[in-house]
Protein backbone atom coordinates (compact mmCIF):
# COMPACT_ATOMS: atom_id res chain seq x y z
CA MET A 1 -32.50 -15.63 -25.64
CA MET A 2 -32.20 -17.26 -22.24
CA ASN A 3 -34.73 -16.09 -19.71
CA LYS A 4 -32.31 -15.94 -16.80
CA PRO A 5 -34.09 -14.49 -13.74
CA ASP A 6 -31.38 -12.30 -12.25
CA VAL A 7 -31.36 -8.61 -11.35
CA HIS A 8 -29.04 -7.65 -14.22
CA PHE A 9 -31.29 -9.33 -16.76
CA GLN A 10 -34.33 -7.62 -15.26
CA PHE A 11 -32.53 -4.26 -15.49
CA ALA A 12 -31.57 -4.87 -19.12
CA SER A 13 -35.15 -5.84 -19.96
CA PHE A 14 -36.37 -2.33 -19.15
CA PHE A 15 -34.80 -1.07 -22.39
CA PRO A 16 -37.01 -1.45 -25.49
CA GLU A 17 -34.01 -1.83 -27.81
CA PRO A 18 -32.98 -5.54 -27.76
CA ARG A 19 -29.54 -4.71 -29.20
CA LEU A 20 -28.75 -2.57 -26.13
CA ARG A 21 -29.69 -5.19 -23.57
CA PRO A 22 -26.40 -7.16 -23.57
CA TYR A 23 -24.52 -3.93 -22.82
CA ALA A 24 -27.02 -2.94 -20.13
CA TYR A 25 -26.67 -6.38 -18.56
CA LEU A 26 -22.88 -6.28 -18.63
CA LEU A 27 -22.55 -2.80 -17.14
CA SER A 28 -25.07 -3.60 -14.39
CA LYS A 29 -23.09 -6.73 -13.50
CA LYS A 30 -19.75 -4.93 -13.52
CA MET A 31 -21.06 -2.11 -11.35
CA GLN A 32 -22.23 -4.65 -8.78
CA GLU A 33 -18.63 -5.89 -8.74
CA GLY A 34 -17.44 -2.33 -7.98
CA HIS A 35 -16.57 -1.00 -11.43
CA ILE A 36 -17.71 2.49 -12.46
CA CYS A 37 -17.56 1.68 -16.17
CA VAL A 38 -16.41 -0.95 -18.67
CA HIS A 39 -13.56 -0.37 -21.10
CA GLU A 40 -14.61 -0.87 -24.71
CA GLN A 41 -11.77 -3.30 -25.39
CA ASP A 42 -13.14 -5.58 -22.65
CA VAL A 43 -16.75 -5.42 -23.76
CA GLN A 44 -16.78 -8.16 -26.39
CA ALA A 45 -14.90 -10.63 -24.19
CA ASN A 46 -17.23 -9.98 -21.27
CA LEU A 47 -20.40 -10.08 -23.36
CA LYS A 48 -19.82 -13.80 -23.83
CA ASP A 49 -20.61 -14.22 -20.14
CA THR A 50 -24.05 -12.62 -20.50
CA PRO A 51 -27.25 -14.70 -21.08
CA PHE A 52 -27.72 -13.62 -24.69
CA GLU A 53 -27.44 -15.46 -27.97
CA GLU A 54 -24.33 -14.88 -30.08
CA ALA A 55 -26.30 -13.01 -32.74
CA GLU A 56 -27.41 -10.46 -30.16
CA LEU A 57 -23.84 -9.63 -29.18
CA LYS A 58 -22.64 -8.30 -32.53
CA THR A 59 -24.17 -4.82 -32.46
CA PRO A 60 -21.39 -2.21 -32.14
CA LEU A 61 -21.92 0.47 -29.49
CA SER A 62 -21.41 3.18 -32.08
CA SER A 63 -24.66 2.18 -33.81
CA LEU A 64 -26.77 2.62 -30.66
CA ILE A 65 -26.77 6.41 -30.86
CA LYS A 66 -30.32 6.70 -29.52
CA PHE A 67 -29.15 5.34 -26.19
CA VAL A 68 -25.40 5.92 -26.01
CA ALA A 69 -24.00 9.46 -25.84
CA THR A 70 -20.59 10.04 -27.40
CA ASN A 71 -20.00 13.52 -25.98
CA GLN A 72 -20.61 15.21 -22.65
CA ASN A 73 -23.43 17.43 -23.94
CA GLN A 74 -25.84 14.62 -24.82
CA ILE A 75 -28.35 13.39 -22.23
CA LEU A 76 -28.83 9.68 -22.88
CA PRO A 77 -28.96 6.60 -20.62
CA TYR A 78 -25.37 5.61 -21.44
CA VAL A 79 -22.14 7.44 -22.24
CA LEU A 80 -19.22 6.17 -24.30
CA PHE A 81 -16.23 8.34 -23.39
CA ASN A 82 -12.51 7.64 -23.79
CA GLN A 83 -13.46 4.11 -24.89
CA ARG A 84 -15.33 3.50 -21.63
CA LEU A 85 -19.02 2.73 -21.30
CA TYR A 86 -20.82 4.39 -18.35
CA LEU A 87 -24.29 4.81 -17.04
CA GLN A 88 -25.06 8.51 -17.54
CA ARG A 89 -25.42 9.13 -13.80
CA TYR A 90 -22.03 7.61 -12.94
CA PHE A 91 -20.31 9.40 -15.79
CA ASN A 92 -21.72 12.61 -14.34
CA TYR A 93 -20.49 11.68 -10.84
CA GLU A 94 -16.99 11.03 -12.17
CA THR A 95 -17.06 14.29 -14.13
CA GLN A 96 -18.23 16.26 -11.07
CA ILE A 97 -15.41 14.79 -8.98
CA LEU A 98 -12.73 15.65 -11.52
CA ASN A 99 -14.06 19.16 -12.13
CA ARG A 100 -14.32 19.92 -8.42
CA ILE A 101 -10.79 18.68 -7.67
CA LYS A 102 -9.39 20.77 -10.50
CA GLY A 103 -11.49 23.69 -9.24
CA PHE A 104 -10.01 23.36 -5.74
CA VAL A 105 -6.49 23.37 -7.13
CA ALA A 106 -7.19 26.39 -9.36
CA SER A 107 -8.85 28.40 -6.57
CA GLU A 108 -5.96 27.98 -4.12
CA LYS A 109 -3.30 29.48 -6.38
CA SER A 110 -4.22 33.09 -5.67
CA SER A 111 -3.74 32.63 -1.91
CA GLN A 112 -0.49 30.63 -1.89
CA VAL A 113 1.82 33.57 -1.09
CA GLU A 114 -0.49 34.93 1.59
CA ARG A 115 -0.87 31.50 3.22
CA LEU A 116 2.88 30.87 3.20
CA ASP A 117 3.53 34.25 4.81
CA ALA A 118 0.93 33.44 7.48
CA LEU A 119 2.50 30.03 8.05
CA LYS A 120 5.87 31.65 8.63
CA THR A 121 4.39 33.45 11.64
CA GLN A 122 3.80 30.01 13.17
CA ALA A 123 7.35 28.71 12.62
CA GLY A 124 7.81 28.27 16.38
CA LEU A 125 4.66 26.19 16.64
CA LEU A 126 5.65 24.03 13.67
CA GLU A 127 9.04 23.40 15.25
CA LYS A 128 7.32 22.20 18.44
CA LEU A 129 5.18 19.85 16.33
CA GLN A 130 8.21 18.16 14.73
CA ALA A 131 8.59 14.39 14.84
CA ASP A 132 10.54 13.13 17.86
CA TYR A 133 11.26 9.47 16.98
CA ARG A 134 14.80 8.08 16.85
CA LEU A 135 16.44 8.16 13.44
CA ASP A 136 19.11 5.50 13.90
CA ALA A 137 18.54 2.25 12.00
CA LEU A 138 15.62 3.75 10.02
CA PRO A 139 15.47 3.63 6.20
CA ASP A 140 16.12 7.05 4.63
CA GLU A 141 12.48 7.61 3.59
CA GLU A 142 11.26 6.95 7.14
CA LYS A 143 13.68 9.49 8.61
CA ILE A 144 11.91 12.32 6.79
CA ASP A 145 9.21 14.11 8.78
CA TRP A 146 6.43 13.31 6.33
CA GLN A 147 3.83 14.41 8.86
CA MET A 148 5.28 17.94 8.75
CA VAL A 149 5.39 17.78 4.94
CA ALA A 150 1.66 17.00 5.03
CA VAL A 151 1.00 19.82 7.53
CA VAL A 152 2.67 22.47 5.37
CA GLN A 153 1.09 21.27 2.13
CA SER A 154 -2.39 20.99 3.65
CA VAL A 155 -2.25 24.50 5.10
CA LEU A 156 -1.20 25.89 1.70
CA HIS A 157 -3.71 23.89 -0.36
CA ASN A 158 -7.50 23.65 -0.58
CA PHE A 159 -7.46 19.95 -1.52
CA SER A 160 -5.15 17.51 0.26
CA ILE A 161 -4.81 13.76 0.61
CA VAL A 162 -2.86 12.20 3.48
CA THR A 163 -2.37 8.50 2.99
CA GLY A 164 -0.29 5.92 4.81
CA GLY A 165 -0.31 2.46 6.28
CA PRO A 166 -1.53 1.55 9.76
CA GLY A 167 0.09 3.48 12.58
CA THR A 168 1.74 6.08 10.35
CA GLY A 169 -0.05 8.87 12.23
CA LYS A 170 -2.72 10.10 9.83
CA THR A 171 -4.94 11.37 12.65
CA THR A 172 -1.97 12.89 14.48
CA THR A 173 -1.07 14.68 11.26
CA VAL A 174 -4.57 16.09 10.98
CA ALA A 175 -4.43 17.20 14.62
CA LYS A 176 -1.26 19.13 13.76
CA ILE A 177 -2.88 20.65 10.66
CA LEU A 178 -5.94 21.75 12.63
CA ALA A 179 -3.78 23.13 15.45
CA VAL A 180 -1.89 25.32 12.98
CA LEU A 181 -5.09 26.49 11.29
CA LEU A 182 -6.66 27.31 14.67
CA HIS A 183 -3.58 29.29 15.72
CA LEU A 184 -3.88 31.21 12.45
CA ASN A 185 -7.63 31.67 12.89
CA PRO A 186 -9.19 30.82 16.29
CA GLU A 187 -12.64 31.13 14.68
CA CYS A 188 -11.85 28.47 12.08
CA ARG A 189 -14.95 26.32 11.48
CA ILE A 190 -14.07 22.61 11.31
CA ALA A 191 -16.14 19.57 10.29
CA LEU A 192 -15.05 15.98 10.98
CA CYS A 193 -16.75 13.21 9.04
CA ALA A 194 -16.35 9.66 7.78
CA PRO A 195 -18.39 7.18 5.74
CA THR A 196 -19.54 5.40 8.92
CA GLY A 197 -20.52 6.66 12.35
CA LYS A 198 -17.98 4.44 14.06
CA ALA A 199 -15.13 5.75 11.91
CA ALA A 200 -16.18 9.33 12.61
CA MET A 201 -16.26 8.70 16.36
CA ARG A 202 -12.83 7.03 16.27
CA MET A 203 -11.33 10.08 14.59
CA ALA A 204 -12.85 12.41 17.19
CA GLU A 205 -11.59 10.16 20.01
CA SER A 206 -8.10 10.14 18.51
CA LEU A 207 -8.09 13.93 18.30
CA LYS A 208 -9.18 14.17 21.94
CA ASN A 209 -6.36 11.88 23.00
CA THR A 210 -3.68 13.56 20.88
CA ASN A 211 -1.03 15.05 23.16
CA LEU A 212 0.42 17.97 21.23
CA PRO A 213 2.41 20.93 22.61
CA ILE A 214 -0.33 23.45 21.78
CA ASP A 215 -2.33 26.07 23.66
CA ASP A 216 -5.01 24.76 26.02
CA SER A 217 -7.62 26.77 24.14
CA ILE A 218 -6.75 24.88 20.94
CA LYS A 219 -6.83 21.53 22.78
CA THR A 220 -10.32 22.41 24.02
CA VAL A 221 -11.51 23.13 20.49
CA LEU A 222 -10.13 19.80 19.23
CA LYS A 223 -11.74 17.92 22.14
CA ASN A 224 -15.11 19.52 21.49
CA LEU A 225 -15.29 18.76 17.77
CA SER A 226 -18.41 16.72 16.99
CA PRO A 227 -17.97 14.06 14.30
CA ASN A 228 -20.61 13.12 11.76
CA THR A 229 -21.24 10.55 9.11
CA ILE A 230 -21.04 12.14 5.66
CA HIS A 231 -24.77 11.55 5.27
CA ARG A 232 -25.53 13.47 8.46
CA LEU A 233 -23.06 16.22 7.60
CA LEU A 234 -24.70 16.77 4.20
CA ARG A 235 -28.17 16.33 5.75
CA TYR A 236 -29.60 13.36 3.93
CA VAL A 237 -33.03 13.80 2.33
CA PRO A 238 -35.07 10.61 3.06
CA GLU A 239 -36.10 8.53 0.05
CA SER A 240 -33.88 10.61 -2.23
CA ILE A 241 -30.38 10.55 -3.71
CA ASN A 242 -29.98 14.23 -2.81
CA PHE A 243 -28.79 16.15 0.26
CA LYS A 244 -29.78 19.52 1.70
CA HIS A 245 -26.19 20.73 1.41
CA ASN A 246 -25.22 20.98 -2.24
CA LYS A 247 -23.72 23.40 -4.75
CA SER A 248 -26.35 26.08 -4.06
CA ASN A 249 -26.29 25.47 -0.29
CA PRO A 250 -22.65 24.71 0.58
CA LEU A 251 -21.40 23.50 3.94
CA PRO A 252 -20.67 26.36 6.38
CA TYR A 253 -17.12 25.27 7.24
CA ASP A 254 -13.57 26.45 6.61
CA VAL A 255 -12.12 22.93 6.85
CA VAL A 256 -13.72 19.53 6.18
CA VAL A 257 -11.77 16.42 7.23
CA VAL A 258 -12.83 13.01 5.90
CA ASP A 259 -11.39 9.92 7.60
CA GLU A 260 -11.37 6.37 6.19
CA ALA A 261 -11.71 7.87 2.71
CA SER A 262 -10.91 4.50 1.11
CA MET A 263 -14.50 3.55 2.03
CA LEU A 264 -15.94 6.40 -0.09
CA ASP A 265 -17.91 5.40 -3.17
CA VAL A 266 -18.03 7.59 -6.26
CA ALA A 267 -21.64 8.75 -5.78
CA LEU A 268 -21.20 9.90 -2.18
CA PHE A 269 -17.89 11.58 -2.90
CA ALA A 270 -19.42 13.53 -5.79
CA LYS A 271 -22.18 14.78 -3.46
CA LEU A 272 -19.64 15.75 -0.81
CA LEU A 273 -17.42 17.66 -3.23
CA GLU A 274 -20.42 19.48 -4.62
CA ALA A 275 -21.31 20.70 -1.11
CA VAL A 276 -17.80 21.94 -0.22
CA GLY A 277 -17.17 25.60 -1.06
CA ASP A 278 -14.31 26.63 -3.35
CA ASN A 279 -12.33 28.25 -0.54
CA THR A 280 -12.91 25.49 2.01
CA ARG A 281 -10.00 23.17 2.73
CA LEU A 282 -10.88 19.51 2.12
CA ILE A 283 -8.54 16.93 3.68
CA LEU A 284 -8.92 13.22 2.92
CA LEU A 285 -7.33 10.56 5.15
CA GLY A 286 -6.94 6.89 4.40
CA ASP A 287 -4.78 3.92 3.49
CA LYS A 288 -4.62 3.54 -0.29
CA ASN A 289 -3.88 -0.17 0.09
CA GLN A 290 -6.94 -0.98 2.19
CA LEU A 291 -10.24 -2.33 0.94
CA ALA A 292 -12.16 -0.08 -1.42
CA SER A 293 -15.77 0.97 -0.96
CA VAL A 294 -18.57 -1.59 -0.94
CA GLU A 295 -20.32 0.41 -3.67
CA ALA A 296 -18.97 1.27 -7.12
CA GLY A 297 -15.46 2.66 -7.44
CA SER A 298 -12.07 2.55 -5.76
CA LEU A 299 -11.95 6.30 -5.65
CA PHE A 300 -9.37 6.95 -2.94
CA GLY A 301 -6.97 4.40 -4.39
CA ASP A 302 -7.40 5.89 -7.86
CA LEU A 303 -6.57 9.38 -6.60
CA CYS A 304 -3.55 8.15 -4.63
CA ARG A 305 -2.23 6.17 -7.62
CA ALA A 306 -2.99 8.79 -10.24
CA GLN A 307 0.69 9.77 -10.25
CA ASP A 308 3.71 7.48 -10.52
CA SER A 309 4.83 8.62 -7.06
CA ASN A 310 3.54 10.83 -4.25
CA LEU A 311 7.04 11.58 -2.98
CA PHE A 312 7.91 14.36 -5.43
CA PHE A 313 7.45 18.11 -5.06
CA SER A 314 8.57 21.22 -6.91
CA ALA A 315 11.92 22.69 -5.95
CA GLU A 316 10.07 25.69 -4.49
CA SER A 317 7.81 23.43 -2.39
CA VAL A 318 10.79 21.46 -1.08
CA GLN A 319 12.45 24.72 -0.07
CA ASP A 320 9.27 25.99 1.63
CA VAL A 321 8.73 22.73 3.56
CA ASN A 322 12.36 22.40 4.64
CA ALA A 323 12.33 25.94 5.99
CA PHE A 324 10.03 24.64 8.76
CA ILE A 325 12.13 21.51 9.52
CA PRO A 326 15.42 22.51 11.23
CA ASP A 327 16.77 18.94 11.46
CA LYS A 328 18.36 18.30 8.07
CA GLU A 329 18.04 14.53 8.40
CA ARG A 330 14.26 14.95 8.58
CA GLN A 331 14.09 17.31 5.59
CA LEU A 332 13.07 16.48 2.04
CA LYS A 333 16.09 15.67 -0.14
CA PRO A 334 17.05 16.68 -3.70
CA ILE A 335 15.75 13.29 -4.88
CA HIS A 336 12.24 14.48 -3.93
CA ILE A 337 12.37 17.38 -6.38
CA GLY A 338 10.31 16.91 -9.50
CA GLN A 339 7.99 18.77 -11.80
CA SER A 340 4.56 17.93 -13.16
CA ASP A 341 1.43 19.65 -14.44
CA HIS A 342 -0.76 16.89 -12.95
CA PRO A 343 -3.61 18.45 -10.90
CA LEU A 344 -2.70 16.36 -7.85
CA PHE A 345 1.02 17.10 -7.96
CA ALA A 346 2.15 17.89 -4.36
CA HIS A 347 -1.45 17.45 -3.12
CA VAL A 348 -0.97 13.83 -2.01
CA VAL A 349 1.43 13.08 0.84
CA GLU A 350 2.19 9.46 1.71
CA LEU A 351 3.34 8.93 5.30
CA GLN A 352 6.18 6.42 5.51
CA LYS A 353 6.94 5.55 9.13
CA SER A 354 4.63 3.26 11.12
CA HIS A 355 4.52 3.98 14.85
CA ARG A 356 2.47 0.82 15.45
CA PHE A 357 5.10 -1.59 14.18
CA SER A 358 8.39 -1.06 12.39
CA SER A 359 8.94 -1.87 8.73
CA GLY A 360 11.33 -4.60 9.89
CA SER A 361 8.87 -6.23 12.30
CA GLY A 362 7.06 -9.43 11.40
CA ILE A 363 3.70 -7.75 10.79
CA GLY A 364 5.40 -4.93 8.89
CA LYS A 365 7.30 -7.32 6.61
CA LEU A 366 4.32 -9.61 6.04
CA SER A 367 1.89 -6.78 5.25
CA ARG A 368 4.38 -5.37 2.73
CA ALA A 369 4.89 -8.81 1.14
CA ILE A 370 1.11 -9.25 0.88
CA ILE A 371 0.28 -5.91 -0.73
CA GLN A 372 3.21 -6.19 -3.15
CA ASN A 373 2.52 -9.89 -3.81
CA ASP A 374 6.21 -10.52 -3.16
CA GLU A 375 6.36 -14.27 -3.83
CA ALA A 376 9.91 -14.67 -2.55
CA ALA A 377 9.08 -12.97 0.75
CA LEU A 378 5.86 -14.97 1.10
CA GLN A 379 7.74 -18.24 0.57
CA GLU A 380 10.32 -17.14 3.12
CA PHE A 381 7.51 -16.50 5.60
CA ILE A 382 5.88 -19.90 4.89
CA LYS A 383 9.21 -21.64 5.45
CA THR A 384 10.04 -19.69 8.61
CA PRO A 385 7.13 -17.65 10.02
CA TYR A 386 8.12 -14.34 11.54
CA ALA A 387 8.16 -13.85 15.30
CA GLY A 388 4.68 -13.30 16.68
CA ILE A 389 2.96 -14.65 13.56
CA GLY A 390 1.60 -18.13 13.01
CA LEU A 391 0.24 -19.93 9.96
CA ILE A 392 -2.10 -22.82 10.81
CA ASP A 393 -4.24 -25.05 8.62
CA HIS A 394 -8.02 -25.20 8.85
CA LYS A 395 -7.67 -28.68 10.36
CA ASP A 396 -5.72 -27.31 13.30
CA HIS A 397 -8.61 -27.06 15.77
CA ASN A 398 -6.24 -26.87 18.73
CA GLY A 399 -4.68 -23.69 17.39
CA PHE A 400 -8.10 -22.14 16.90
CA GLU A 401 -9.27 -23.14 20.37
CA THR A 402 -6.06 -21.91 22.00
CA PHE A 403 -6.64 -18.48 20.47
CA ILE A 404 -10.30 -18.20 21.50
CA ASP A 405 -9.41 -19.35 25.03
CA GLY A 406 -8.27 -15.74 25.35
CA TYR A 407 -11.92 -14.66 25.52
CA ALA A 408 -12.13 -16.22 28.98
CA ASP A 409 -10.22 -13.23 30.38
CA TYR A 410 -13.00 -10.73 29.79
CA ILE A 411 -15.72 -13.14 30.97
CA LYS A 412 -13.94 -13.69 34.30
CA GLU A 413 -13.34 -9.96 34.78
CA ALA A 414 -15.97 -8.46 37.13
CA ASP A 415 -15.26 -4.80 36.33
CA ILE A 416 -17.15 -3.90 33.14
CA ALA A 417 -14.62 -1.28 31.97
CA LYS A 418 -11.75 -3.74 32.36
CA ALA A 419 -13.86 -6.48 30.76
CA LEU A 420 -14.44 -4.34 27.66
CA ASP A 421 -10.73 -3.61 27.47
CA LYS A 422 -9.86 -7.30 27.80
CA PHE A 423 -12.42 -8.27 25.16
CA ASN A 424 -10.79 -5.83 22.74
CA GLN A 425 -7.38 -7.44 23.26
CA LEU A 426 -8.16 -10.03 20.59
CA ARG A 427 -10.45 -10.60 17.64
CA VAL A 428 -11.19 -13.25 15.04
CA LEU A 429 -11.51 -11.72 11.55
CA CYS A 430 -13.13 -13.49 8.62
CA ALA A 431 -13.55 -12.77 4.92
CA VAL A 432 -17.12 -13.97 4.36
CA ARG A 433 -20.39 -14.19 6.26
CA GLU A 434 -21.58 -17.61 5.04
CA GLY A 435 -19.93 -21.05 4.99
CA ALA A 436 -17.85 -23.10 7.39
CA GLN A 437 -15.29 -20.30 7.88
CA GLY A 438 -17.85 -17.52 7.62
CA LEU A 439 -19.00 -15.02 10.24
CA TYR A 440 -22.09 -16.89 11.41
CA SER A 441 -20.43 -20.32 11.68
CA LEU A 442 -17.38 -18.94 13.49
CA ASN A 443 -19.43 -17.03 16.06
CA LYS A 444 -21.55 -20.12 16.64
CA ALA A 445 -18.47 -22.32 17.00
CA ILE A 446 -16.90 -19.91 19.52
CA GLU A 447 -20.15 -19.71 21.49
CA THR A 448 -20.37 -23.50 21.57
CA TYR A 449 -16.77 -23.86 22.73
CA LEU A 450 -17.07 -21.25 25.48
CA SER A 451 -20.41 -22.73 26.53
CA LYS A 452 -18.87 -26.20 26.93
CA LYS A 453 -16.29 -24.62 29.23
CA ASN A 454 -19.18 -23.12 31.25
CA LEU A 455 -18.03 -19.60 30.50
CA ILE A 456 -21.25 -18.46 28.79
CA ASN A 457 -24.82 -19.72 28.43
CA PRO A 458 -26.16 -18.58 25.02
CA ASN A 459 -29.78 -19.37 25.83
CA ASN A 460 -31.29 -16.17 24.37
CA ASP A 461 -30.45 -13.18 22.18
CA TYR A 462 -29.02 -11.13 25.04
CA TYR A 463 -27.25 -13.59 27.28
CA GLU A 464 -24.76 -12.65 29.99
CA ASN A 465 -21.36 -11.68 28.52
CA ARG A 466 -22.54 -11.72 24.92
CA PRO A 467 -20.30 -9.36 22.89
CA ILE A 468 -22.29 -7.39 20.31
CA ILE A 469 -21.57 -5.11 17.38
CA ILE A 470 -24.11 -2.48 16.36
CA THR A 471 -25.17 -2.82 12.70
CA LYS A 472 -27.27 0.35 12.41
CA ASN A 473 -26.79 3.94 13.52
CA TYR A 474 -28.72 4.97 16.63
CA PRO A 475 -27.86 8.68 16.92
CA ASP A 476 -30.35 9.25 19.76
CA LEU A 477 -28.50 6.61 21.79
CA LYS A 478 -25.10 7.87 20.58
CA LEU A 479 -24.45 4.42 19.17
CA PHE A 480 -23.19 3.88 15.65
CA ASN A 481 -22.75 1.11 13.13
CA GLY A 482 -19.59 -0.73 14.23
CA ASP A 483 -19.72 0.09 17.96
CA VAL A 484 -18.87 -2.91 20.14
CA GLY A 485 -20.26 -3.60 23.60
CA LEU A 486 -20.94 -6.33 26.16
CA VAL A 487 -24.23 -7.58 27.57
CA ARG A 488 -24.23 -7.86 31.37
CA LYS A 489 -26.57 -7.37 34.31
CA ASP A 490 -26.40 -4.15 36.27
CA ASN A 491 -26.31 -4.00 40.07
CA ALA A 492 -30.09 -4.36 40.18
CA GLY A 493 -29.99 -7.55 38.14
CA ASN A 494 -31.32 -5.96 34.93
CA MET A 495 -29.71 -7.00 31.65
CA ARG A 496 -27.97 -4.06 29.94
CA ALA A 497 -25.71 -3.53 26.94
CA TRP A 498 -22.55 -1.71 28.02
CA PHE A 499 -20.41 0.54 25.82
CA GLU A 500 -17.42 2.79 26.24
CA ASP A 501 -17.94 6.41 25.15
CA SER A 502 -15.40 8.77 23.60
CA ASN A 503 -14.22 9.86 27.05
CA LYS A 504 -13.54 6.25 28.11
CA ASN A 505 -16.58 6.31 30.39
CA ILE A 506 -18.89 3.31 30.58
CA ARG A 507 -22.57 3.69 29.84
CA SER A 508 -25.39 1.24 29.23
CA VAL A 509 -28.67 0.96 27.33
CA MET A 510 -31.56 -1.47 27.43
CA PRO A 511 -30.87 -4.26 24.91
CA GLY A 512 -34.39 -3.92 23.53
CA TYR A 513 -33.49 -0.49 22.13
CA ILE A 514 -30.82 -1.96 19.82
CA ALA A 515 -32.53 -4.56 17.68
CA HIS A 516 -29.84 -4.29 15.00
CA ALA A 517 -26.84 -6.02 16.57
CA GLU A 518 -24.80 -9.19 16.01
CA THR A 519 -22.51 -11.40 18.08
CA VAL A 520 -18.92 -10.28 17.58
CA PHE A 521 -16.43 -12.88 18.81
CA ALA A 522 -15.69 -12.93 15.09
CA MET A 523 -16.25 -10.00 12.74
CA THR A 524 -15.79 -9.40 9.03
CA ILE A 525 -12.60 -7.80 7.80
CA HIS A 526 -14.71 -5.03 6.27
CA LYS A 527 -16.14 -4.17 9.70
CA SER A 528 -12.67 -4.15 11.25
CA GLN A 529 -11.41 -1.28 9.08
CA GLY A 530 -10.01 1.49 11.23
CA SER A 531 -9.72 -0.75 14.32
CA GLU A 532 -6.68 -2.42 15.86
CA TYR A 533 -6.22 -5.27 18.33
CA PRO A 534 -3.12 -6.62 20.10
CA LYS A 535 -3.96 -10.18 18.99
CA VAL A 536 -5.67 -11.11 15.71
CA MET A 537 -6.64 -14.37 14.04
CA VAL A 538 -7.52 -14.12 10.33
CA VAL A 539 -9.66 -16.96 8.97
CA LEU A 540 -9.81 -17.37 5.19
CA PRO A 541 -12.53 -19.63 3.74
CA GLU A 542 -11.42 -23.09 2.70
CA ALA A 543 -13.94 -23.07 -0.14
CA SER A 544 -12.96 -20.68 -2.93
CA GLY A 545 -13.77 -17.09 -2.14
CA GLY A 546 -13.67 -16.17 -5.83
CA GLN A 547 -13.02 -12.49 -6.45
CA LEU A 548 -13.60 -11.77 -2.76
CA LEU A 549 -10.20 -13.03 -1.59
CA THR A 550 -7.72 -10.35 -2.58
CA ARG A 551 -4.41 -9.05 -1.31
CA GLU A 552 -6.16 -5.83 -0.24
CA LEU A 553 -8.55 -7.84 1.94
CA LEU A 554 -5.74 -9.83 3.55
CA TYR A 555 -3.56 -6.71 3.99
CA THR A 556 -6.42 -4.95 5.77
CA ALA A 557 -6.89 -7.93 8.09
CA VAL A 558 -3.20 -8.42 8.87
CA THR A 559 -2.64 -4.74 9.63
CA ARG A 560 -5.37 -4.78 12.29
CA ALA A 561 -2.88 -6.67 14.51
CA LYS A 562 -0.59 -4.69 16.81
CA GLU A 563 1.42 -7.48 18.47
CA SER A 564 0.60 -11.01 17.32
CA LEU A 565 -1.18 -12.60 14.40
CA ILE A 566 -2.40 -16.04 13.37
CA LEU A 567 -3.37 -16.80 9.77
CA HIS A 568 -5.90 -19.64 9.83
CA CYS A 569 -5.53 -21.01 6.29
CA ASN A 570 -3.12 -23.12 4.30
CA ALA A 571 -0.09 -21.66 2.55
CA ALA A 572 -1.51 -22.19 -0.94
CA LEU A 573 -4.67 -20.24 -0.10
CA MET A 574 -2.63 -17.40 1.37
CA CYS A 575 -0.50 -17.17 -1.78
CA SER A 576 -3.48 -17.34 -4.16
CA THR A 577 -5.15 -14.56 -2.16
CA CYS A 578 -2.04 -12.39 -2.46
CA ALA A 579 -1.88 -13.06 -6.19
CA GLN A 580 -5.32 -11.55 -6.76
CA GLY A 581 -5.65 -7.79 -6.49
CA VAL A 582 -8.69 -5.55 -6.63
CA SER A 583 -9.07 -4.11 -10.10
CA ARG A 584 -11.96 -1.72 -10.60
CA THR A 585 -12.39 0.09 -13.89
CA SER A 586 -12.83 3.86 -13.86
CA GLY A 587 -11.74 6.78 -15.97
CA ILE A 588 -10.46 8.89 -13.09
CA VAL A 589 -6.71 8.34 -13.51
CA GLU A 590 -6.77 8.97 -17.26
CA ARG A 591 -9.18 11.91 -17.09
CA LEU A 592 -7.15 13.67 -14.38
CA LYS A 593 -4.38 14.06 -16.93
CA GLU A 594 -6.68 15.87 -19.37
CA ASN A 595 -6.52 19.67 -19.47
């Protein structure tokens, strides 16, 4: 046996049974890569990549009954279920998630008629909340008012998923859902949360800025909603995997909204579901094509892809939804009628129309080609880049410098509010932190360039005009992981870090209070999730990014751009990135189909 000093080998060594160790090593390694489990048919092939001798790899899992459970009633370190090998804890998480979702769907059935009757009393409000975009020249699917479909379904159901690409109006849809629920019950208790503090704050800001034709009292409620991270909502118990809110102490809300749900890992989602009462509405928002969670699982994507399509509803549901949409062109059509006994049937609504950019725009076409790995469309783009989009090689230093010249605008702007706005007009996004095209090198290169032009003087950690991104939550300062600010002197000559709050007001803190911050001329694509910028440059690493460079990563980066985009990589690297998709093993899709 090789004595390879890595964390997976150390984990496997804890088990006294040598025959189990290759499996323990493999599962530990796969979970670090984001998998929840390993399919039995892949085990033998993958075991060859573990640091064990061939003779140690021939023990079948079925013979390790002291360590591997084969039914849900056994309590052993590992579980072999539906030909998938799990750690017991993660099998339990997956089971909890599936049972809770099925429980939500079962519990809502008794109130469907009552809820529909109540919704009919708000027909006038729903008509005022209808989509108002022009229908001419739109594809048929984009003409349909999918936001209103989501509103009706979410009011009727206890468990709802609203997914869609950038700019499709997920937050606007939730604002409409909450407005209807508040008109039905002015005392409705609402919780807003997200995996990160920044994402939670963005959702609250979007709700505040939503201009809907609703009563002022309802607008006031929406504006006063306080967002939380999921950890804070559940009341995290320090040095524990548990939370104060759980099955025996559920959350005291009628509606829980979770934004950026694609960032949810399986463990946190299981804890959240456990803490949500049976009669509470749970609404998940996210883009199923974006990056999955950093931790194990691609939960949101699994749930969104659990059915062949999310565009089908029962004939009765189509009739109920269309009753609230007077414009026939915006109604669901007969082709959307289907039938299924899948637990998520009619509980997932996929928004189709982007209000940020059209499906025919350059960014719209490129993002679709990337996520679908459409080789013909990618080659067409390489041959003739779309308007507003550039593709430049790593050797093109002039192109890189021309883009970062744009940072001069915020530095020359004296007004701090305008400077923050100008800084957020552009951003460099990168895939990795290390290496020549990594986060640290790019920020250093931009600092050096701007310094040579006498625009900045990076002589200490908090130099004048240094842009920073917070990397830790500071709730007492109302600053959260992902918040971006600028370092500048105040009128008295004291160095301060300036941020924009949810009301667009500027406030500042002493830099010494925020030790956890980084320079942010460039930021990782992961950190950019949920944000958007008029101008974006995406830098892919020239050295192989291995499994890191995927179409989901590139799609997420490209769709951060609102107006113009530059891909800083060669054509071959772009295509190879698009050819590699995220594939994380779980049993969720298969187990959802089980009765």
